[in-house]
């Protein structure tokens, strides 16, 4: 008696057949590198159906996409930083124990980020006295057409004549490579008294600069600690020892544009704020894009405070600092 087939054989259901076809199409596309039109011709099905099957194979997990990051690329850390602190973007570079090498790494990464994201008609504010920012602008390649309308100093750039040219070089180099008009703040970053600041802020030349701060679309800032950087110390704009002690007692851990904050990112209210020649905290924190550049464990508390307080919403840092920040 004829059986009509192999005993126990199971006929494929429509669902089974769909799965079989999905696997077949996926292997032809991903393993044999055939084009969708070639697959359609070989299997005698329409190209739109091939496209639907490929999409479905991803949705059902038949095909799983794995991205392998090459050495020096740390997108996993960047994603975790963005999620942890609500950042617009994070850029993470390799760490190094040599401070000068770290400055160059951070500068090169910032330069590439700026070249990729300055799209035109931008108004940029830039802080003075930052080695990281100076390294960044020196690493930038000139754009073929203007991508920034104006670049404005956020903090007074007048200091010791021997190093003042560094603050000037920062803004003039940035202006040169982006096609921007440079606007200097003709004053020290820190004055001796609140009365002196009030008088100078009333000056028409200074007012012309401060009026531009409300127009800014991007701020590029360094992140400082209570211990001033060598460049800031040499400029004559460093915080005096007794002021440092006052800030430390008040809980300050770092600053952006000489505006000091505690470990939660809250502005530390001291008499020092009334002596700063620079953008006001509330003005700074409403600029749509605020790019902070800093790295290393020495700046960890300052970095965390800057992030928690919303002083920055884009961060360029190194793997050591990033790892500590996402684990906090």
Protein backbone atom coordinates (compact mmCIF):
# COMPACT_ATOMS: atom_id res chain seq x y z
CA UNK A 1 0.00 0.00 0.00
CA UNK A 2 1.48 3.29 -1.06
CA UNK A 3 2.14 5.75 1.73
CA UNK A 4 2.22 8.87 -0.44
CA UNK A 5 5.39 10.11 1.30
CA UNK A 6 8.00 9.47 3.96
CA UNK A 7 6.43 8.23 7.22
CA UNK A 8 6.52 10.96 9.88
CA UNK A 9 7.48 13.79 7.50
CA UNK A 10 5.89 17.12 8.41
CA UNK A 11 4.56 19.47 5.81
CA UNK A 12 5.89 23.03 6.16
CA UNK A 13 3.23 25.50 7.25
CA UNK A 14 3.00 28.96 5.65
CA UNK A 15 4.75 30.38 8.72
CA UNK A 16 7.57 27.82 8.44
CA UNK A 17 7.96 28.58 4.76
CA UNK A 18 8.14 32.32 5.47
CA UNK A 19 10.88 31.71 8.05
CA UNK A 20 12.79 29.42 5.66
CA UNK A 21 12.61 32.07 2.97
CA UNK A 22 13.72 34.79 5.38
CA UNK A 23 16.80 32.78 6.33
CA UNK A 24 17.58 32.00 2.70
CA UNK A 25 17.26 35.63 1.62
CA UNK A 26 19.29 36.85 4.60
CA UNK A 27 22.16 34.42 3.83
CA UNK A 28 22.19 35.36 0.17
CA UNK A 29 22.31 39.05 1.07
CA UNK A 30 24.71 39.02 4.02
CA UNK A 31 26.92 36.01 3.29
CA UNK A 32 27.00 35.88 -0.51
CA UNK A 33 26.78 39.69 -0.86
CA UNK A 34 24.13 39.47 -3.57
CA UNK A 35 22.09 42.54 -4.44
CA UNK A 36 18.38 42.56 -3.73
CA UNK A 37 17.63 42.50 -7.46
CA UNK A 38 19.85 39.42 -7.91
CA UNK A 39 18.12 37.63 -5.03
CA UNK A 40 14.71 38.43 -6.48
CA UNK A 41 15.70 37.07 -9.87
CA UNK A 42 17.26 33.88 -8.47
CA UNK A 43 14.31 33.08 -6.18
CA UNK A 44 11.64 34.27 -8.61
CA UNK A 45 10.11 36.70 -6.14
CA UNK A 46 9.65 40.47 -6.30
CA UNK A 47 12.36 42.85 -5.12
CA UNK A 48 9.95 44.61 -2.68
CA UNK A 49 9.34 41.20 -1.08
CA UNK A 50 13.09 40.66 -0.74
CA UNK A 51 13.33 44.04 1.01
CA UNK A 52 10.46 43.13 3.37
CA UNK A 53 12.03 39.76 4.18
CA UNK A 54 15.38 41.37 5.00
CA UNK A 55 13.68 43.90 7.27
CA UNK A 56 11.70 41.16 8.98
CA UNK A 57 14.84 39.06 9.48
CA UNK A 58 16.30 41.90 11.54
CA UNK A 59 13.10 42.41 13.53
CA UNK A 60 12.82 38.74 14.46
CA UNK A 61 16.49 38.32 15.39
CA UNK A 62 17.38 35.99 12.51
CA UNK A 63 19.98 38.56 11.57
CA UNK A 64 21.82 40.33 14.37
CA UNK A 65 24.00 43.32 13.67
CA UNK A 66 27.26 43.51 15.63
CA UNK A 67 29.39 46.65 15.41
CA UNK A 68 33.05 46.21 16.32
CA UNK A 69 34.68 49.46 17.39
CA UNK A 70 38.31 49.86 16.26
CA UNK A 71 41.05 50.87 18.68
CA UNK A 72 40.71 54.47 19.83
CA UNK A 73 36.94 54.61 19.30
CA UNK A 74 34.88 54.54 22.50
CA UNK A 75 31.26 54.89 21.42
CA UNK A 76 30.08 52.64 24.27
CA UNK A 77 31.44 55.07 26.86
CA UNK A 78 30.07 58.01 24.87
CA UNK A 79 26.58 56.47 24.83
CA UNK A 80 26.70 55.85 28.57
CA UNK A 81 27.85 59.41 29.29
CA UNK A 82 25.06 60.84 27.13
CA UNK A 83 22.45 58.70 28.88
CA UNK A 84 23.83 59.32 32.39
CA UNK A 85 23.99 63.12 32.12
CA UNK A 86 21.50 63.92 29.34
CA UNK A 87 24.19 65.22 27.00
CA UNK A 88 23.67 66.24 23.41
CA UNK A 89 26.91 64.45 22.61
CA UNK A 90 30.01 63.01 24.25
CA UNK A 91 33.41 62.48 22.64
CA UNK A 92 35.87 60.19 24.43
CA UNK A 93 39.57 59.88 23.56
CA UNK A 94 42.35 57.62 24.76
CA UNK A 95 43.83 58.44 28.15
CA UNK A 96 47.51 59.05 28.77
CA UNK A 97 49.54 59.71 31.89
CA UNK A 98 51.43 62.51 30.17
CA UNK A 99 49.55 65.80 30.66
CA UNK A 100 50.87 67.29 27.43
CA UNK A 101 49.82 64.26 25.40
CA UNK A 102 46.35 64.39 26.97
CA UNK A 103 46.01 68.05 26.00
CA UNK A 104 46.90 67.16 22.41
CA UNK A 105 44.45 64.22 22.34
CA UNK A 106 41.61 66.34 23.69
CA UNK A 107 42.49 69.19 21.35
CA UNK A 108 42.57 66.97 18.26
CA UNK A 109 39.21 65.37 19.12
CA UNK A 110 37.62 68.77 19.77
CA UNK A 111 38.95 70.09 16.47
CA UNK A 112 37.39 67.19 14.53
CA UNK A 113 34.10 67.58 16.41
CA UNK A 114 33.94 71.31 15.64
CA UNK A 115 34.86 70.82 11.99
CA UNK A 116 32.03 68.29 11.68
CA UNK A 117 29.33 70.24 13.51
CA UNK A 118 29.85 73.94 12.76
CA UNK A 119 27.38 74.20 9.89
CA UNK A 120 27.26 77.93 9.22
CA UNK A 121 25.81 81.18 10.61
CA UNK A 122 26.95 80.27 14.14
CA UNK A 123 27.68 82.74 16.92
CA UNK A 124 30.32 81.21 19.16
CA UNK A 125 31.54 82.25 22.59
CA UNK A 126 34.94 81.04 23.71
CA UNK A 127 36.57 81.23 27.13
CA UNK A 128 40.14 82.46 27.66
CA UNK A 129 43.14 80.82 29.30
CA UNK A 130 42.62 77.16 28.35
CA UNK A 131 45.43 74.97 27.03
CA UNK A 132 42.89 72.37 25.83
CA UNK A 133 40.98 74.93 23.77
CA UNK A 134 44.19 76.41 22.38
CA UNK A 135 45.27 72.93 21.26
CA UNK A 136 41.85 72.44 19.68
CA UNK A 137 41.81 75.58 17.57
CA UNK A 138 45.40 75.04 16.48
CA UNK A 139 44.45 71.56 15.24
CA UNK A 140 41.45 72.79 13.24
CA UNK A 141 41.66 72.90 9.45
CA UNK A 142 40.46 76.07 7.70
CA UNK A 143 36.93 75.75 6.36
CA UNK A 144 36.30 76.38 2.66
CA UNK A 145 33.59 78.90 3.50
CA UNK A 146 32.64 80.78 6.69
CA UNK A 147 30.89 78.54 9.24
CA UNK A 148 30.86 81.05 12.11
CA UNK A 149 29.65 84.65 11.92
CA UNK A 150 31.22 85.94 15.14
CA UNK A 151 33.41 84.53 17.90
CA UNK A 152 33.21 86.40 21.21
CA UNK A 153 35.35 86.16 24.31
CA UNK A 154 33.32 84.96 27.30
CA UNK A 155 35.89 86.04 29.90
CA UNK A 156 38.29 88.95 29.90
CA UNK A 157 41.45 88.12 27.98
CA UNK A 158 43.75 90.86 29.26
CA UNK A 159 46.62 89.62 31.39
CA UNK A 160 50.37 89.51 31.77
CA UNK A 161 51.76 90.71 28.41
CA UNK A 162 54.08 87.70 28.23
CA UNK A 163 51.15 85.26 28.04
CA UNK A 164 48.26 87.48 26.93
CA UNK A 165 49.05 86.57 23.36
CA UNK A 166 47.87 83.01 24.19
CA UNK A 167 44.36 84.28 24.95
CA UNK A 168 44.46 86.42 21.80
CA UNK A 169 45.79 83.51 19.75
CA UNK A 170 42.91 81.34 20.92
CA UNK A 171 40.24 83.63 19.51
CA UNK A 172 42.16 84.87 16.46
CA UNK A 173 43.09 81.35 15.35
CA UNK A 174 39.50 80.17 15.78
CA UNK A 175 38.29 83.20 13.81
CA UNK A 176 40.81 82.51 11.06
CA UNK A 177 39.87 78.86 10.51
CA UNK A 178 36.10 79.41 10.71
CA UNK A 179 35.80 82.72 8.86
CA UNK A 180 34.39 84.49 11.94
CA UNK A 181 34.75 88.10 13.02
CA UNK A 182 36.62 88.10 16.38
CA UNK A 183 35.24 90.18 19.25
CA UNK A 184 37.59 90.69 22.20
CA UNK A 185 36.65 91.56 25.78
CA UNK A 186 39.21 94.29 26.61
CA UNK A 187 39.51 93.57 30.34
CA UNK A 188 41.12 91.14 32.78
CA UNK A 189 39.14 88.07 33.71
CA UNK A 190 39.16 88.99 37.38
CA UNK A 191 39.18 92.47 38.88
CA UNK A 192 40.24 93.58 42.34
CA UNK A 193 36.82 94.79 43.49
CA UNK A 194 33.14 94.71 42.61
CA UNK A 195 33.21 98.49 42.16
CA UNK A 196 35.90 98.20 39.51
CA UNK A 197 33.86 95.56 37.68
CA UNK A 198 30.69 97.65 37.81
CA UNK A 199 32.53 100.65 36.41
CA UNK A 200 34.16 98.67 33.61
CA UNK A 201 30.95 96.85 32.65
CA UNK A 202 29.34 100.26 32.13
CA UNK A 203 31.99 101.18 29.57
CA UNK A 204 30.50 101.37 26.06
CA UNK A 205 33.27 99.23 24.53
CA UNK A 206 32.67 96.45 27.04
CA UNK A 207 28.89 96.74 26.63
CA UNK A 208 29.25 96.15 22.91
CA UNK A 209 30.88 92.83 23.73
CA UNK A 210 28.49 91.79 26.49
CA UNK A 211 25.50 92.56 24.24
CA UNK A 212 26.71 89.77 21.92
CA UNK A 213 26.47 87.09 24.62
CA UNK A 214 22.68 86.89 24.26
CA UNK A 215 23.09 85.96 20.56
CA UNK A 216 25.39 82.97 21.07
CA UNK A 217 24.46 79.58 19.64
CA UNK A 218 27.54 77.70 20.90
CA UNK A 219 29.96 78.11 23.80
CA UNK A 220 33.39 76.48 23.86
CA UNK A 221 34.76 76.33 27.40
CA UNK A 222 37.42 74.75 29.56
CA UNK A 223 36.62 73.25 32.96
CA UNK A 224 38.86 74.38 35.78
CA UNK A 225 39.63 73.23 39.31
CA UNK A 226 40.34 75.30 42.41
CA UNK A 227 44.03 74.87 41.66
CA UNK A 228 44.62 77.21 38.68
CA UNK A 229 46.21 75.88 35.52
CA UNK A 230 49.75 77.02 34.68
CA UNK A 231 48.42 79.20 31.85
CA UNK A 232 45.85 80.92 34.08
CA UNK A 233 48.39 81.42 36.84
CA UNK A 234 50.92 82.99 34.47
CA UNK A 235 48.26 85.28 32.98
CA UNK A 236 47.68 87.09 36.26
CA UNK A 237 44.00 86.05 36.30
CA UNK A 238 44.41 83.22 38.81
CA UNK A 239 42.41 83.10 42.01
CA UNK A 240 44.47 84.28 45.00
CA UNK A 241 45.22 81.85 47.83
CA UNK A 242 42.77 83.45 50.26
CA UNK A 243 40.04 83.38 47.59
CA UNK A 244 40.79 79.71 46.92
CA UNK A 245 40.38 78.98 50.62
CA UNK A 246 37.09 80.90 50.69
CA UNK A 247 35.82 78.89 47.72
CA UNK A 248 37.00 75.61 49.24
CA UNK A 249 35.20 76.39 52.49
CA UNK A 250 32.04 77.14 50.48
CA UNK A 251 32.27 73.72 48.82
CA UNK A 252 33.53 74.74 45.37
CA UNK A 253 35.12 72.00 43.25
CA UNK A 254 35.52 73.64 39.84
CA UNK A 255 34.61 76.43 37.47
CA UNK A 256 33.50 77.32 33.99
CA UNK A 257 34.45 80.85 32.89
CA UNK A 258 35.52 81.64 36.50
CA UNK A 259 32.02 80.80 37.77
CA UNK A 260 32.64 78.32 40.59
CA UNK A 261 30.24 75.51 41.50
CA UNK A 262 30.03 72.74 44.10
CA UNK A 263 30.00 68.96 43.55
CA UNK A 264 26.30 69.08 42.62
CA UNK A 265 26.96 71.80 40.04
CA UNK A 266 25.28 74.56 42.05
CA UNK A 267 26.81 78.02 41.72
CA UNK A 268 28.81 78.90 44.84
CA UNK A 269 27.69 82.34 45.96
CA UNK A 270 30.73 84.36 47.10
CA UNK A 271 31.98 87.91 46.70
CA UNK A 272 34.25 86.61 43.93
CA UNK A 273 31.32 86.50 41.49
CA UNK A 274 31.06 90.28 41.63
CA UNK A 275 34.66 90.64 40.45
CA UNK A 276 34.49 88.42 37.35
CA UNK A 277 34.60 90.15 33.98
CA UNK A 278 32.67 87.68 31.94
CA UNK A 279 29.37 86.14 30.98
CA UNK A 280 26.81 85.72 33.75
CA UNK A 281 25.98 82.13 34.85
CA UNK A 282 22.35 82.37 33.72
CA UNK A 283 23.41 83.69 30.32
CA UNK A 284 25.91 80.90 29.89
CA UNK A 285 23.56 78.06 30.76
CA UNK A 286 20.91 79.04 28.21
CA UNK A 287 23.30 78.91 25.24
CA UNK A 288 21.92 76.03 23.13
CA UNK A 289 25.21 74.14 22.78
CA UNK A 290 27.82 74.32 25.56
CA UNK A 291 30.96 72.33 24.76
CA UNK A 292 33.26 71.51 27.68
CA UNK A 293 36.77 70.12 27.13
CA UNK A 294 38.66 68.52 30.03
CA UNK A 295 40.05 65.16 31.14
CA UNK A 296 42.09 63.29 33.68
CA UNK A 297 41.33 62.23 37.24
CA UNK A 298 42.58 65.56 38.57
CA UNK A 299 39.51 67.21 37.05
CA UNK A 300 37.00 64.49 37.91
CA UNK A 301 35.10 66.43 40.62
CA UNK A 302 34.99 69.54 38.44
CA UNK A 303 33.78 67.53 35.45
CA UNK A 304 31.02 65.88 37.45
CA UNK A 305 29.87 69.21 38.87
CA UNK A 306 29.87 70.85 35.43
CA UNK A 307 27.72 68.01 34.07
CA UNK A 308 25.29 67.85 36.98
CA UNK A 309 24.85 71.61 37.03
CA UNK A 310 24.11 71.89 33.31
CA UNK A 311 27.11 74.12 32.71
CA UNK A 312 27.89 72.03 29.63
CA UNK A 313 25.80 69.73 27.43
CA UNK A 314 28.57 68.44 25.14
CA UNK A 315 31.67 66.86 26.68
CA UNK A 316 35.07 66.02 25.21
CA UNK A 317 37.04 63.93 27.71
CA UNK A 318 39.28 60.86 28.09
CA UNK A 319 38.57 57.22 28.87
CA UNK A 320 39.77 57.37 32.49
CA UNK A 321 37.53 60.30 33.41
CA UNK A 322 34.62 58.94 31.36
CA UNK A 323 34.78 55.55 33.09
CA UNK A 324 34.70 57.17 36.51
CA UNK A 325 31.86 59.50 35.54
CA UNK A 326 29.53 56.77 34.27
CA UNK A 327 30.24 54.70 37.35
CA UNK A 328 29.31 57.53 39.72
